[in-house]
C-alpha atoms as a PDB file:
ATOM      1  CA  MET A   1       0.000   0.000   0.000  1.00  0.00           C
ATOM      2  CA  ASN A   2       1.124   3.553  -0.748  1.00  0.00           C
ATOM      3  CA  THR A   3       0.701   6.449   1.666  1.00  0.00           C
ATOM      4  CA  CYS A   4      -0.277   9.849   0.305  1.00  0.00           C
ATOM      5  CA  PRO A   5       2.366  12.443   1.329  1.00  0.00           C
ATOM      6  CA  TRP A   6      -0.320  15.095   1.788  1.00  0.00           C
ATOM      7  CA  CYS A   7      -3.416  13.592   3.420  1.00  0.00           C
ATOM      8  CA  GLY A   8      -1.857  10.355   4.697  1.00  0.00           C
ATOM      9  CA  SER A   9      -4.455   8.030   3.203  1.00  0.00           C
ATOM     10  CA  THR A  10      -3.308   4.594   2.078  1.00  0.00           C
ATOM     11  CA  ASN A  11      -4.133   3.125  -1.297  1.00  0.00           C
ATOM     12  CA  ASP A  12      -2.725   1.061  -4.128  1.00  0.00           C
ATOM     13  CA  ASN A  13      -3.948   3.271  -6.964  1.00  0.00           C
ATOM     14  CA  THR A  14      -1.133   3.153  -9.518  1.00  0.00           C
ATOM     15  CA  VAL A  15      -1.990   5.238 -12.580  1.00  0.00           C
ATOM     16  CA  LEU A  16       1.294   5.013 -14.503  1.00  0.00           C
ATOM     17  CA  GLU A  17       4.455   2.943 -14.722  1.00  0.00           C
ATOM     18  CA  LEU A  18       7.485   4.700 -16.196  1.00  0.00           C
ATOM     19  CA  LYS A  19      11.251   5.117 -16.091  1.00  0.00           C
ATOM     20  CA  ASP A  20      13.682   7.866 -15.260  1.00  0.00           C
ATOM     21  CA  TYR A  21      14.376   8.389 -18.955  1.00  0.00           C
ATOM     22  CA  PHE A  22      16.481  11.468 -18.221  1.00  0.00           C
ATOM     23  CA  LEU A  23      19.269   9.872 -16.217  1.00  0.00           C
ATOM     24  CA  SER A  24      19.166   6.636 -14.221  1.00  0.00           C
ATOM     25  CA  LYS A  25      16.769   4.534 -16.377  1.00  0.00           C
ATOM     26  CA  GLU A  26      15.367   3.114 -13.132  1.00  0.00           C
ATOM     27  CA  ASP A  27      11.703   2.073 -12.885  1.00  0.00           C
ATOM     28  CA  PHE A  28       9.130   4.090 -10.955  1.00  0.00           C
ATOM     29  CA  LYS A  29       5.361   4.343 -10.550  1.00  0.00           C
ATOM     30  CA  ILE A  30       2.955   7.212 -10.083  1.00  0.00           C
ATOM     31  CA  SER A  31       0.091   6.721  -7.665  1.00  0.00           C
ATOM     32  CA  GLU A  32      -2.988   8.926  -7.301  1.00  0.00           C
ATOM     33  CA  CYS A  33      -4.623   9.529  -3.952  1.00  0.00           C
ATOM     34  CA  PRO A  34      -8.384   8.888  -4.251  1.00  0.00           C
ATOM     35  CA  HIS A  35      -9.071  11.312  -1.402  1.00  0.00           C
ATOM     36  CA  CYS A  36      -7.103  14.520  -2.114  1.00  0.00           C
ATOM     37  CA  GLY A  37      -6.201  13.839  -5.760  1.00  0.00           C
ATOM     38  CA  LEU A  38      -2.443  14.316  -5.371  1.00  0.00           C
ATOM     39  CA  ARG A  39      -0.283  12.148  -7.597  1.00  0.00           C
ATOM     40  CA  PHE A  40       3.075  11.082  -6.203  1.00  0.00           C
ATOM     41  CA  THR A  41       6.151   9.112  -7.238  1.00  0.00           C
ATOM     42  CA  ILE A  42       6.749   5.599  -5.905  1.00  0.00           C
ATOM     43  CA  PRO A  43       9.310   4.807  -4.574  1.00  0.00           C
ATOM     44  CA  ARG A  44      10.428   8.159  -3.188  1.00  0.00           C
ATOM     45  CA  PRO A  45      14.230   8.227  -2.877  1.00  0.00           C
ATOM     46  CA  ALA A  46      15.475   9.105   0.597  1.00  0.00           C
ATOM     47  CA  PRO A  47      16.773  12.675   1.040  1.00  0.00           C
ATOM     48  CA  GLU A  48      20.328  11.403   1.489  1.00  0.00           C
ATOM     49  CA  VAL A  49      20.367   9.748  -1.959  1.00  0.00           C
ATOM     50  CA  ILE A  50      18.095  11.982  -4.056  1.00  0.00           C
ATOM     51  CA  GLY A  51      21.062  14.168  -4.996  1.00  0.00           C
ATOM     52  CA  LYS A  52      22.494  11.571  -7.355  1.00  0.00           C
ATOM     53  CA  TYR A  53      19.448  11.925  -9.623  1.00  0.00           C
ATOM     54  CA  TYR A  54      20.393  15.567 -10.285  1.00  0.00           C
ATOM     55  CA  GLN A  55      24.013  14.890 -11.211  1.00  0.00           C
ATOM     56  CA  SER A  56      23.916  15.578 -14.929  1.00  0.00           C
ATOM     57  CA  GLU A  57      25.409  18.276 -17.138  1.00  0.00           C
ATOM     58  CA  ALA A  58      22.013  18.381 -18.880  1.00  0.00           C
ATOM     59  CA  TYR A  59      20.343  19.679 -15.688  1.00  0.00           C
ATOM     60  CA  TYR A  60      20.593  23.246 -16.905  1.00  0.00           C
ATOM     61  CA  SER A  61      18.884  25.088 -14.032  1.00  0.00           C
ATOM     62  CA  HIS A  62      21.909  24.421 -11.801  1.00  0.00           C
ATOM     63  CA  GLN A  63      24.399  25.687 -14.365  1.00  0.00           C
ATOM     64  CA  ILE A  64      25.348  28.814 -16.267  1.00  0.00           C
ATOM     65  CA  ASN A  65      27.070  29.583 -19.571  1.00  0.00           C
ATOM     66  CA  ASN A  66      26.453  26.107 -20.982  1.00  0.00           C
ATOM     67  CA  LYS A  67      27.985  25.442 -24.384  1.00  0.00           C
ATOM     68  CA  GLY A  68      26.150  23.817 -27.278  1.00  0.00           C
ATOM     69  CA  PHE A  69      23.042  24.553 -29.297  1.00  0.00           C
ATOM     70  CA  ILE A  70      20.398  23.155 -26.923  1.00  0.00           C
ATOM     71  CA  PRO A  71      21.802  24.867 -23.796  1.00  0.00           C
ATOM     72  CA  GLN A  72      21.849  28.103 -25.769  1.00  0.00           C
ATOM     73  CA  VAL A  73      18.206  27.603 -26.761  1.00  0.00           C
ATOM     74  CA  TYR A  74      17.425  26.935 -23.098  1.00  0.00           C
ATOM     75  CA  GLU A  75      19.151  30.181 -22.082  1.00  0.00           C
ATOM     76  CA  PHE A  76      17.310  32.094 -24.823  1.00  0.00           C
ATOM     77  CA  ILE A  77      13.921  30.860 -23.633  1.00  0.00           C
ATOM     78  CA  LYS A  78      14.910  31.463 -20.006  1.00  0.00           C
ATOM     79  CA  THR A  79      15.459  35.151 -20.789  1.00  0.00           C
ATOM     80  CA  PHE A  80      11.851  35.521 -21.960  1.00  0.00           C
ATOM     81  CA  ASN A  81      10.550  33.440 -19.062  1.00  0.00           C
ATOM     82  CA  ILE A  82      12.337  35.573 -16.456  1.00  0.00           C
ATOM     83  CA  LYS A  83      10.689  38.730 -17.777  1.00  0.00           C
ATOM     84  CA  ARG A  84       7.317  37.005 -17.638  1.00  0.00           C
ATOM     85  CA  LYS A  85       7.999  35.665 -14.146  1.00  0.00           C
ATOM     86  CA  THR A  86       9.026  39.097 -12.899  1.00  0.00           C
ATOM     87  CA  GLN A  87       5.738  40.607 -14.028  1.00  0.00           C
ATOM     88  CA  LEU A  88       3.729  37.786 -12.470  1.00  0.00           C
ATOM     89  CA  ALA A  89       5.597  37.997  -9.169  1.00  0.00           C
ATOM     90  CA  ILE A  90       5.878  41.715  -8.462  1.00  0.00           C
ATOM     91  CA  GLY A  91       3.715  43.409 -11.093  1.00  0.00           C
ATOM     92  CA  GLY A  92       1.579  46.109  -9.490  1.00  0.00           C
ATOM     93  CA  LEU A  93       3.392  45.929  -6.131  1.00  0.00           C
ATOM     94  CA  PRO A  94       5.607  48.547  -4.451  1.00  0.00           C
ATOM     95  CA  PRO A  95       9.184  47.394  -3.677  1.00  0.00           C
ATOM     96  CA  GLY A  96       9.372  44.991  -0.759  1.00  0.00           C
ATOM     97  CA  ARG A  97      11.047  41.693   0.139  1.00  0.00           C
ATOM     98  CA  LEU A  98      10.899  38.549  -1.987  1.00  0.00           C
ATOM     99  CA  LEU A  99      11.975  34.991  -1.168  1.00  0.00           C
ATOM    100  CA  ASP A 100      12.659  32.609  -4.054  1.00  0.00           C
ATOM    101  CA  ILE A 101      12.617  28.985  -2.905  1.00  0.00           C
ATOM    102  CA  GLY A 102      14.706  26.821  -5.215  1.00  0.00           C
ATOM    103  CA  CYS A 103      16.523  29.828  -6.631  1.00  0.00           C
ATOM    104  CA  GLY A 104      19.118  27.828  -8.596  1.00  0.00           C
ATOM    105  CA  VAL A 105      21.946  30.040  -9.833  1.00  0.00           C
ATOM    106  CA  GLY A 106      19.970  33.192  -9.041  1.00  0.00           C
ATOM    107  CA  ASP A 107      18.773  34.339 -12.479  1.00  0.00           C
ATOM    108  CA  PHE A 108      15.323  35.367 -11.264  1.00  0.00           C
ATOM    109  CA  LEU A 109      16.597  36.977  -8.056  1.00  0.00           C
ATOM    110  CA  VAL A 110      19.063  39.130  -9.988  1.00  0.00           C
ATOM    111  CA  GLN A 111      16.170  40.492 -12.054  1.00  0.00           C
ATOM    112  CA  ILE A 112      14.082  41.205  -8.936  1.00  0.00           C
ATOM    113  CA  GLN A 113      17.051  42.779  -7.182  1.00  0.00           C
ATOM    114  CA  ASN A 114      17.497  45.104 -10.152  1.00  0.00           C
ATOM    115  CA  GLN A 115      13.899  46.256  -9.645  1.00  0.00           C
ATOM    116  CA  GLY A 116      14.817  47.644  -6.225  1.00  0.00           C
ATOM    117  CA  TRP A 117      13.523  44.752  -4.141  1.00  0.00           C
ATOM    118  CA  GLY A 118      15.228  43.103  -1.200  1.00  0.00           C
ATOM    119  CA  VAL A 119      15.725  39.426  -2.017  1.00  0.00           C
ATOM    120  CA  GLN A 120      16.577  36.152  -0.323  1.00  0.00           C
ATOM    121  CA  GLY A 121      16.912  32.659  -1.749  1.00  0.00           C
ATOM    122  CA  VAL A 122      16.766  29.026  -0.676  1.00  0.00           C
ATOM    123  CA  GLU A 123      18.647  26.409  -2.681  1.00  0.00           C
ATOM    124  CA  PRO A 124      19.769  22.824  -1.882  1.00  0.00           C
ATOM    125  CA  SER A 125      22.516  22.566  -4.520  1.00  0.00           C
ATOM    126  CA  GLU A 126      25.892  23.700  -3.200  1.00  0.00           C
ATOM    127  CA  ASP A 127      27.220  24.267  -6.718  1.00  0.00           C
ATOM    128  CA  ALA A 128      24.238  26.429  -7.664  1.00  0.00           C
ATOM    129  CA  LYS A 129      24.534  28.391  -4.421  1.00  0.00           C
ATOM    130  CA  LYS A 130      28.161  29.261  -5.153  1.00  0.00           C
ATOM    131  CA  ILE A 131      27.216  30.670  -8.557  1.00  0.00           C
ATOM    132  CA  ALA A 132      24.273  32.569  -7.084  1.00  0.00           C
ATOM    133  CA  GLU A 133      26.497  34.103  -4.402  1.00  0.00           C
ATOM    134  CA  THR A 134      28.829  35.638  -7.000  1.00  0.00           C
ATOM    135  CA  ARG A 135      25.844  37.231  -8.753  1.00  0.00           C
ATOM    136  CA  LEU A 136      23.745  38.338  -5.779  1.00  0.00           C
ATOM    137  CA  GLY A 137      26.354  39.336  -3.233  1.00  0.00           C
ATOM    138  CA  PHE A 138      25.093  36.849  -0.651  1.00  0.00           C
ATOM    139  CA  CYS A 139      24.774  33.086  -0.394  1.00  0.00           C
ATOM    140  CA  PRO A 140      21.266  31.597  -0.520  1.00  0.00           C
ATOM    141  CA  GLN A 141      20.221  29.553   2.487  1.00  0.00           C
ATOM    142  CA  ALA A 142      19.898  25.774   2.618  1.00  0.00           C
ATOM    143  CA  PRO A 143      16.375  24.259   2.927  1.00  0.00           C
ATOM    144  CA  THR A 144      17.261  23.312   6.509  1.00  0.00           C
ATOM    145  CA  ASP A 145      17.760  26.970   7.469  1.00  0.00           C
ATOM    146  CA  TYR A 146      14.220  28.367   7.253  1.00  0.00           C
ATOM    147  CA  ALA A 147      14.417  29.187  10.969  1.00  0.00           C
ATOM    148  CA  LEU A 148      16.819  32.018  10.103  1.00  0.00           C
ATOM    149  CA  PHE A 149      13.908  33.909   8.511  1.00  0.00           C
ATOM    150  CA  GLU A 150      11.514  35.801  10.770  1.00  0.00           C
ATOM    151  CA  ASP A 151       7.743  35.319  10.755  1.00  0.00           C
ATOM    152  CA  ASN A 152       5.787  37.456   8.264  1.00  0.00           C
ATOM    153  CA  SER A 153       9.014  38.763   6.729  1.00  0.00           C
ATOM    154  CA  PHE A 154       8.294  38.528   2.979  1.00  0.00           C
ATOM    155  CA  ASP A 155       5.853  40.338   0.712  1.00  0.00           C
ATOM    156  CA  VAL A 156       6.232  37.740  -2.067  1.00  0.00           C
ATOM    157  CA  ILE A 157       7.338  34.099  -2.044  1.00  0.00           C
ATOM    158  CA  THR A 158       8.026  32.316  -5.321  1.00  0.00           C
ATOM    159  CA  MET A 159       8.581  28.662  -6.184  1.00  0.00           C
ATOM    160  CA  TRP A 160       9.278  28.225  -9.894  1.00  0.00           C
ATOM    161  CA  HIS A 161       8.935  24.502 -10.586  1.00  0.00           C
ATOM    162  CA  VAL A 162       9.992  23.583  -7.062  1.00  0.00           C
ATOM    163  CA  LEU A 163       6.989  22.249  -5.111  1.00  0.00           C
ATOM    164  CA  GLU A 164       6.998  19.118  -7.265  1.00  0.00           C
ATOM    165  CA  HIS A 165      10.514  18.357  -5.940  1.00  0.00           C
ATOM    166  CA  VAL A 166       9.666  18.745  -2.246  1.00  0.00           C
ATOM    167  CA  ASP A 167       9.761  15.626  -0.075  1.00  0.00           C
ATOM    168  CA  ASP A 168       7.930  17.048   2.974  1.00  0.00           C
ATOM    169  CA  LEU A 169       4.943  19.012   1.673  1.00  0.00           C
ATOM    170  CA  HIS A 170       3.588  19.758   5.141  1.00  0.00           C
ATOM    171  CA  PHE A 171       6.819  21.312   6.379  1.00  0.00           C
ATOM    172  CA  GLN A 172       7.311  23.314   3.189  1.00  0.00           C
ATOM    173  CA  THR A 173       3.798  24.732   3.081  1.00  0.00           C
ATOM    174  CA  SER A 174       3.762  25.498   6.819  1.00  0.00           C
ATOM    175  CA  GLU A 175       6.958  27.517   6.414  1.00  0.00           C
ATOM    176  CA  ILE A 176       5.435  29.429   3.510  1.00  0.00           C
ATOM    177  CA  VAL A 177       2.447  30.300   5.686  1.00  0.00           C
ATOM    178  CA  ARG A 178       4.773  31.418   8.493  1.00  0.00           C
ATOM    179  CA  LEU A 179       7.072  33.548   6.343  1.00  0.00           C
ATOM    180  CA  LEU A 180       4.574  35.317   4.082  1.00  0.00           C
ATOM    181  CA  LYS A 181       3.040  38.553   5.334  1.00  0.00           C
ATOM    182  CA  PRO A 182      -0.757  38.794   5.600  1.00  0.00           C
ATOM    183  CA  GLY A 183      -1.917  39.973   2.187  1.00  0.00           C
ATOM    184  CA  GLY A 184       1.339  38.718   0.681  1.00  0.00           C
ATOM    185  CA  ARG A 185       1.577  37.051  -2.712  1.00  0.00           C
ATOM    186  CA  LEU A 186       2.561  33.392  -3.284  1.00  0.00           C
ATOM    187  CA  ILE A 187       3.614  32.230  -6.750  1.00  0.00           C
ATOM    188  CA  LEU A 188       3.732  28.525  -7.615  1.00  0.00           C
ATOM    189  CA  ALA A 189       4.744  27.334 -11.104  1.00  0.00           C
ATOM    190  CA  LEU A 190       4.111  23.652 -11.777  1.00  0.00           C
ATOM    191  CA  PRO A 191       3.837  21.162 -14.640  1.00  0.00           C
ATOM    192  CA  ASN A 192       0.286  20.270 -15.586  1.00  0.00           C
ATOM    193  CA  PHE A 193      -0.372  16.612 -16.385  1.00  0.00           C
ATOM    194  CA  GLN A 194      -3.787  17.558 -17.761  1.00  0.00           C
ATOM    195  CA  SER A 195      -2.113  19.313 -20.705  1.00  0.00           C
ATOM    196  CA  PHE A 196      -2.233  18.049 -24.290  1.00  0.00           C
ATOM    197  CA  ASP A 197       1.505  17.329 -24.420  1.00  0.00           C
ATOM    198  CA  CYS A 198       1.206  15.045 -21.374  1.00  0.00           C
ATOM    199  CA  GLN A 199      -1.720  13.170 -22.925  1.00  0.00           C
ATOM    200  CA  TYR A 200       0.262  12.860 -26.160  1.00  0.00           C
ATOM    201  CA  TYR A 201       3.548  11.594 -24.690  1.00  0.00           C
ATOM    202  CA  LYS A 202       2.041   9.570 -21.817  1.00  0.00           C
ATOM    203  CA  ASP A 203       4.817   7.881 -19.806  1.00  0.00           C
ATOM    204  CA  LYS A 204       7.472   9.597 -21.964  1.00  0.00           C
ATOM    205  CA  TRP A 205       6.255  13.074 -20.953  1.00  0.00           C
ATOM    206  CA  ALA A 206       9.435  14.729 -19.760  1.00  0.00           C
ATOM    207  CA  ALA A 207       7.711  16.738 -17.019  1.00  0.00           C
ATOM    208  CA  TRP A 208       6.953  13.585 -15.048  1.00  0.00           C
ATOM    209  CA  ASP A 209      10.737  13.730 -14.442  1.00  0.00           C
ATOM    210  CA  VAL A 210      10.761  10.946 -11.870  1.00  0.00           C
ATOM    211  CA  PRO A 211      12.206  10.686  -9.289  1.00  0.00           C
ATOM    212  CA  ARG A 212      13.257  14.337  -9.188  1.00  0.00           C
ATOM    213  CA  HIS A 213       9.566  15.217  -9.296  1.00  0.00           C
ATOM    214  CA  LEU A 214       8.051  13.595  -6.237  1.00  0.00           C
ATOM    215  CA  ASN A 215       4.636  15.305  -6.414  1.00  0.00           C
ATOM    216  CA  HIS A 216       2.349  15.833  -9.409  1.00  0.00           C
ATOM    217  CA  PHE A 217      -0.497  18.349  -9.168  1.00  0.00           C
ATOM    218  CA  ALA A 218      -3.681  18.749 -11.152  1.00  0.00           C
ATOM    219  CA  PRO A 219      -4.909  22.372 -11.029  1.00  0.00           C
ATOM    220  CA  ASP A 220      -7.934  21.605  -8.851  1.00  0.00           C
ATOM    221  CA  THR A 221      -5.835  19.513  -6.461  1.00  0.00           C
ATOM    222  CA  LEU A 222      -3.331  22.306  -5.912  1.00  0.00           C
ATOM    223  CA  ARG A 223      -6.027  24.934  -5.409  1.00  0.00           C
ATOM    224  CA  ASN A 224      -7.787  22.715  -2.847  1.00  0.00           C
ATOM    225  CA  ILE A 225      -4.552  22.152  -0.936  1.00  0.00           C
ATOM    226  CA  MET A 226      -3.650  25.839  -0.829  1.00  0.00           C
ATOM    227  CA  THR A 227      -7.139  27.060   0.087  1.00  0.00           C
ATOM    228  CA  SER A 228      -7.172  24.527   2.939  1.00  0.00           C
ATOM    229  CA  LEU A 229      -4.083  26.371   4.248  1.00  0.00           C
ATOM    230  CA  GLY A 230      -5.910  29.701   4.183  1.00  0.00           C
ATOM    231  CA  PHE A 231      -4.754  31.046   0.833  1.00  0.00           C
ATOM    232  CA  GLN A 232      -7.047  32.848  -1.585  1.00  0.00           C
ATOM    233  CA  VAL A 233      -6.715  32.165  -5.320  1.00  0.00           C
ATOM    234  CA  ILE A 234      -5.818  35.298  -7.294  1.00  0.00           C
ATOM    235  CA  ASP A 235      -5.565  33.731 -10.747  1.00  0.00           C
ATOM    236  CA  THR A 236      -3.852  31.096 -12.876  1.00  0.00           C
ATOM    237  CA  GLN A 237      -1.478  32.120 -15.646  1.00  0.00           C
ATOM    238  CA  ARG A 238       0.411  30.311 -18.436  1.00  0.00           C
ATOM    239  CA  LEU A 239       4.076  29.700 -19.259  1.00  0.00           C
ATOM    240  CA  ILE A 240       3.871  28.979 -22.985  1.00  0.00           C
ATOM    241  CA  TRP A 241       7.581  28.350 -23.591  1.00  0.00           C
ATOM    242  CA  ASP A 242       7.622  25.323 -21.285  1.00  0.00           C
ATOM    243  CA  ALA A 243       5.525  23.270 -23.721  1.00  0.00           C
ATOM    244  CA  TYR A 244       8.251  23.496 -26.375  1.00  0.00           C
ATOM    245  CA  TYR A 245      11.101  22.471 -24.086  1.00  0.00           C
ATOM    246  CA  ILE A 246       9.126  19.640 -22.469  1.00  0.00           C
ATOM    247  CA  SER A 247       8.024  18.358 -25.886  1.00  0.00           C
ATOM    248  CA  TYR A 248      11.599  18.486 -27.181  1.00  0.00           C
ATOM    249  CA  MET A 249      12.830  16.432 -24.206  1.00  0.00           C
ATOM    250  CA  SER A 250       9.936  13.989 -24.617  1.00  0.00           C
ATOM    251  CA  GLU A 251      10.868  13.478 -28.276  1.00  0.00           C
ATOM    252  CA  ARG A 252      14.388  12.637 -27.171  1.00  0.00           C
ATOM    253  CA  PHE A 253      13.048  10.039 -24.748  1.00  0.00           C
ATOM    254  CA  LEU A 254      11.104   8.495 -27.628  1.00  0.00           C
ATOM    255  CA  GLY A 255      14.281   8.364 -29.725  1.00  0.00           C
ATOM    256  CA  HIS A 256      12.724  10.207 -32.656  1.00  0.00           C
ATOM    257  CA  SER A 257      14.800  11.964 -35.278  1.00  0.00           C
ATOM    258  CA  LEU A 258      14.632  15.776 -35.398  1.00  0.00           C
ATOM    259  CA  PRO A 259      13.412  16.076 -31.794  1.00  0.00           C
ATOM    260  CA  LEU A 260      13.668  19.865 -31.867  1.00  0.00           C
ATOM    261  CA  VAL A 261      11.366  20.147 -34.887  1.00  0.00           C
ATOM    262  CA  ARG A 262       8.903  17.507 -33.714  1.00  0.00           C
ATOM    263  CA  GLY A 263       8.888  18.964 -30.206  1.00  0.00           C
ATOM    264  CA  ALA A 264       8.190  22.437 -31.559  1.00  0.00           C
ATOM    265  CA  TRP A 265       5.171  21.086 -33.426  1.00  0.00           C
ATOM    266  CA  ILE A 266       3.706  19.277 -30.413  1.00  0.00           C
ATOM    267  CA  GLY A 267       4.446  22.274 -28.196  1.00  0.00           C
ATOM    268  CA  LEU A 268       2.587  24.495 -30.652  1.00  0.00           C
ATOM    269  CA  ARG A 269      -0.373  22.112 -30.728  1.00  0.00           C
ATOM    270  CA  SER A 270      -0.435  21.957 -26.944  1.00  0.00           C
ATOM    271  CA  ASN A 271      -0.460  25.737 -26.580  1.00  0.00           C
ATOM    272  CA  TRP A 272      -3.084  26.101 -29.285  1.00  0.00           C
ATOM    273  CA  MET A 273      -5.442  23.613 -27.626  1.00  0.00           C
ATOM    274  CA  ALA A 274      -4.857  25.198 -24.235  1.00  0.00           C
ATOM    275  CA  ARG A 275      -6.260  28.476 -25.535  1.00  0.00           C
ATOM    276  CA  LYS A 276      -9.697  26.894 -25.079  1.00  0.00           C
ATOM    277  CA  THR A 277      -9.099  24.544 -22.144  1.00  0.00           C
ATOM    278  CA  GLY A 278      -6.605  26.567 -20.092  1.00  0.00           C
ATOM    279  CA  MET A 279      -4.594  23.377 -19.656  1.00  0.00           C
ATOM    280  CA  TYR A 280      -1.129  24.641 -20.585  1.00  0.00           C
ATOM    281  CA  SER A 281       1.950  22.443 -20.118  1.00  0.00           C
ATOM    282  CA  SER A 282       3.010  24.624 -17.195  1.00  0.00           C
ATOM    283  CA  LEU A 283       0.772  26.827 -15.093  1.00  0.00           C
ATOM    284  CA  VAL A 284       1.561  29.643 -12.691  1.00  0.00           C
ATOM    285  CA  TYR A 285      -0.780  29.840  -9.705  1.00  0.00           C
ATOM    286  CA  ARG A 286      -0.982  33.114  -7.817  1.00  0.00           C
ATOM    287  CA  PHE A 287      -2.337  33.102  -4.273  1.00  0.00           C
ATOM    288  CA  MET A 288      -2.783  35.700  -1.543  1.00  0.00           C
ATOM    289  CA  LYS A 289      -2.389  34.945   2.145  1.00  0.00           C
END
């Protein structure tokens, strides 16, 4: 029996069997809780061994100045995404303090810092933290150091494709509640397995990304979880570039020729269909405490 990491219910509701096509080629399953709707990866690697699943030069978010065509495409898209993320996070707000959880090498925080905001970051990767420190002028904190931050000390908290990686959802969300000021803004960006590209690629959908992704959220499931914690939904926004990158990686997992071209086509189809359904490959959820 599997135990849901959010509500604690036990079940044996496996909805998908798949591999870590990105790195280890190990077998995993995805189970869906029949009570709260959360999907989660089985087995969940222990915190002391999960790091080995991130040890790849192709894990671009922990690197900078990568050489080669695909890393350059990734950096190009990231530039557009950061501008979009900045608007979603602080648009319409006076300068304040922002915490980026899972800040990587600090790209987003540099942009926010340049807008006159005070910033802090949390990042588990020591290599990424070293790069971020040279760019930000301070070293981001480790995930074990949340106690260093005072209650109600941030106007905005962001997690760009991070909550899916979190092993202890209850601890993480309770710290968000503690740290965010009343009326503060919470930004969560997450893959959406109800998108067209997920339905098309099935177990080869790159955004399953097991076992790095431990949790998998449908939009309604995430909203229910966050409203149960006292958050109010502001809106849900799209990240259209993610569909192209995810589709490209999925094509690689399938072993198709011309993965960049084929991925661009599926990404375009996914975004086009999502214009009616709202089910984009990645969604940004904005909440207010």
